Amino acid sequence: MKARIKITGTQKLKAALLDDAQAKAIRKVVKDAVTDVQEDAQRKAGETYTKVDRKGKRYSTGATKQGIGFKLENNGLTGIVGMPMEYNPYTEYGTRLMAAEPVLGPAFNNSKDKFMADIKRLMK
């Protein structure tokens, strides 16, 4: 199970793509949004995820930070930011034995208002 957040276009948005210039602008907004989410999540992961060695000293492996990536689908109208490590759902949402240390959720929440404002501006 992989933790990921998906930003997708709406039917109204697809109907509004009447010319190439507008479609190109929307693809740029989507790409910028997923890049922002990825970078914010990587920053947060660098601050959050550490391991503890045998002496109790905490250190970061960098695996979570380096694993956060994005891809574009649907001709650039869908952006997906994800964390591929098998343990990421546990770190993102927590377990009964471990508190959550989310990175994707906060990164998405930090970027969504700007994304929506940019899309609304293009739709006018």
Protein backbone atom coordinates (compact mmCIF):
# COMPACT_ATOMS: atom_id res chain seq x y z
CA MET A 1 0.00 0.00 0.00
CA LYS A 2 1.44 3.37 -1.02
CA ALA A 3 0.54 6.71 0.50
CA ARG A 4 -0.26 9.30 -2.14
CA ILE A 5 -2.35 12.34 -2.79
CA LYS A 6 -3.87 12.90 -6.19
CA ILE A 7 -4.79 16.23 -7.81
CA THR A 8 -7.09 15.72 -10.79
CA GLY A 9 -8.98 17.92 -13.22
CA THR A 10 -12.75 18.30 -13.16
CA GLN A 11 -15.29 17.89 -15.94
CA LYS A 12 -15.83 21.66 -16.05
CA LEU A 13 -12.12 22.20 -16.39
CA LYS A 14 -11.86 19.71 -19.25
CA ALA A 15 -14.74 21.44 -21.03
CA ALA A 16 -12.97 24.79 -20.67
CA LEU A 17 -9.88 23.60 -22.52
CA LEU A 18 -10.88 25.22 -25.79
CA ASP A 19 -7.47 26.21 -27.08
CA ASP A 20 -3.88 25.08 -26.81
CA ALA A 21 -2.72 28.19 -24.96
CA GLN A 22 -5.19 27.65 -22.13
CA ALA A 23 -4.42 23.92 -22.00
CA LYS A 24 -0.71 24.66 -21.79
CA ALA A 25 -1.30 27.17 -18.97
CA ILE A 26 -3.38 24.64 -17.02
CA ARG A 27 -0.73 21.93 -17.47
CA LYS A 28 1.85 24.38 -16.09
CA VAL A 29 -0.33 25.11 -13.03
CA VAL A 30 -0.75 21.37 -12.38
CA LYS A 31 2.98 20.72 -12.77
CA ASP A 32 3.86 23.67 -10.51
CA ALA A 33 1.39 22.44 -7.88
CA VAL A 34 2.73 18.88 -7.78
CA THR A 35 6.30 20.19 -7.73
CA ASP A 36 5.41 22.42 -4.76
CA VAL A 37 3.80 19.50 -2.93
CA GLN A 38 6.80 17.26 -3.64
CA GLU A 39 9.33 19.86 -2.46
CA ASP A 40 7.33 20.70 0.67
CA ALA A 41 6.93 17.00 1.53
CA GLN A 42 10.66 16.42 1.01
CA ARG A 43 11.48 19.34 3.31
CA LYS A 44 9.13 17.98 5.96
CA ALA A 45 10.50 14.44 5.57
CA GLY A 46 14.03 15.73 6.06
CA GLU A 47 12.95 17.32 9.35
CA THR A 48 10.85 14.41 10.57
CA TYR A 49 12.08 10.93 9.75
CA THR A 50 14.98 9.54 11.73
CA LYS A 51 16.17 6.18 12.96
CA VAL A 52 17.63 5.37 16.34
CA ASP A 53 20.91 3.47 16.55
CA ARG A 54 21.84 0.97 19.29
CA LYS A 55 23.10 3.76 21.53
CA GLY A 56 19.84 5.68 21.28
CA LYS A 57 21.21 8.36 18.93
CA ARG A 58 18.76 9.51 16.25
CA TYR A 59 19.85 9.81 12.63
CA SER A 60 18.16 10.24 9.25
CA THR A 61 18.52 7.65 6.50
CA GLY A 62 17.13 9.98 3.83
CA ALA A 63 15.12 7.14 2.25
CA THR A 64 11.74 8.77 2.79
CA LYS A 65 12.88 12.16 1.55
CA GLN A 66 14.58 10.70 -1.54
CA GLY A 67 11.62 8.46 -2.32
CA ILE A 68 9.06 11.26 -2.61
CA GLY A 69 8.37 11.78 -6.28
CA PHE A 70 5.71 12.89 -8.70
CA LYS A 71 4.35 11.98 -12.08
CA LEU A 72 1.98 13.64 -14.51
CA GLU A 73 -0.83 11.74 -16.22
CA ASN A 74 -3.87 12.50 -18.35
CA ASN A 75 -1.83 14.66 -20.73
CA GLY A 76 -0.56 16.79 -17.84
CA LEU A 77 -3.95 17.41 -16.21
CA THR A 78 -3.38 14.96 -13.37
CA GLY A 79 -0.45 15.18 -11.00
CA ILE A 80 0.40 12.47 -8.48
CA VAL A 81 2.84 12.92 -5.61
CA GLY A 82 3.71 9.73 -3.81
CA MET A 83 5.99 7.95 -1.40
CA PRO A 84 6.93 4.46 -2.63
CA MET A 85 8.34 2.93 0.53
CA GLU A 86 6.23 0.07 1.88
CA TYR A 87 6.17 1.62 5.38
CA ASN A 88 5.02 5.09 4.28
CA PRO A 89 1.31 4.62 5.10
CA TYR A 90 2.32 3.87 8.69
CA THR A 91 4.48 6.95 9.00
CA GLU A 92 1.90 9.15 7.27
CA TYR A 93 -1.13 7.99 9.27
CA GLY A 94 0.38 6.34 12.36
CA THR A 95 -0.55 3.08 14.01
CA ARG A 96 -1.88 2.11 17.40
CA LEU A 97 1.73 1.89 18.55
CA MET A 98 3.16 4.91 16.75
CA ALA A 99 2.07 8.52 16.27
CA ALA A 100 1.62 9.77 12.72
CA GLU A 101 4.41 11.84 11.17
CA PRO A 102 2.61 13.04 8.04
CA VAL A 103 4.38 14.76 5.18
CA LEU A 104 2.07 14.41 2.15
CA GLY A 105 -1.11 15.61 3.86
CA PRO A 106 0.40 18.83 5.22
CA ALA A 107 2.24 19.49 1.94
CA PHE A 108 -1.01 19.07 -0.01
CA ASN A 109 -2.93 21.31 2.40
CA ASN A 110 -0.25 24.01 2.10
CA SER A 111 -0.54 24.03 -1.71
CA LYS A 112 -4.22 23.45 -2.45
CA ASP A 113 -5.47 27.03 -1.99
CA LYS A 114 -2.85 28.44 -4.38
CA PHE A 115 -3.63 25.67 -6.88
CA MET A 116 -7.36 26.38 -6.77
CA ALA A 117 -6.79 30.14 -7.08
CA ASP A 118 -4.53 29.61 -10.10
CA ILE A 119 -7.06 27.32 -11.80
CA LYS A 120 -9.94 29.74 -11.10
CA ARG A 121 -7.88 32.60 -12.53
CA LEU A 122 -7.37 30.61 -15.76
CA MET A 123 -11.06 29.72 -15.98
CA LYS A 124 -12.18 33.37 -16.14
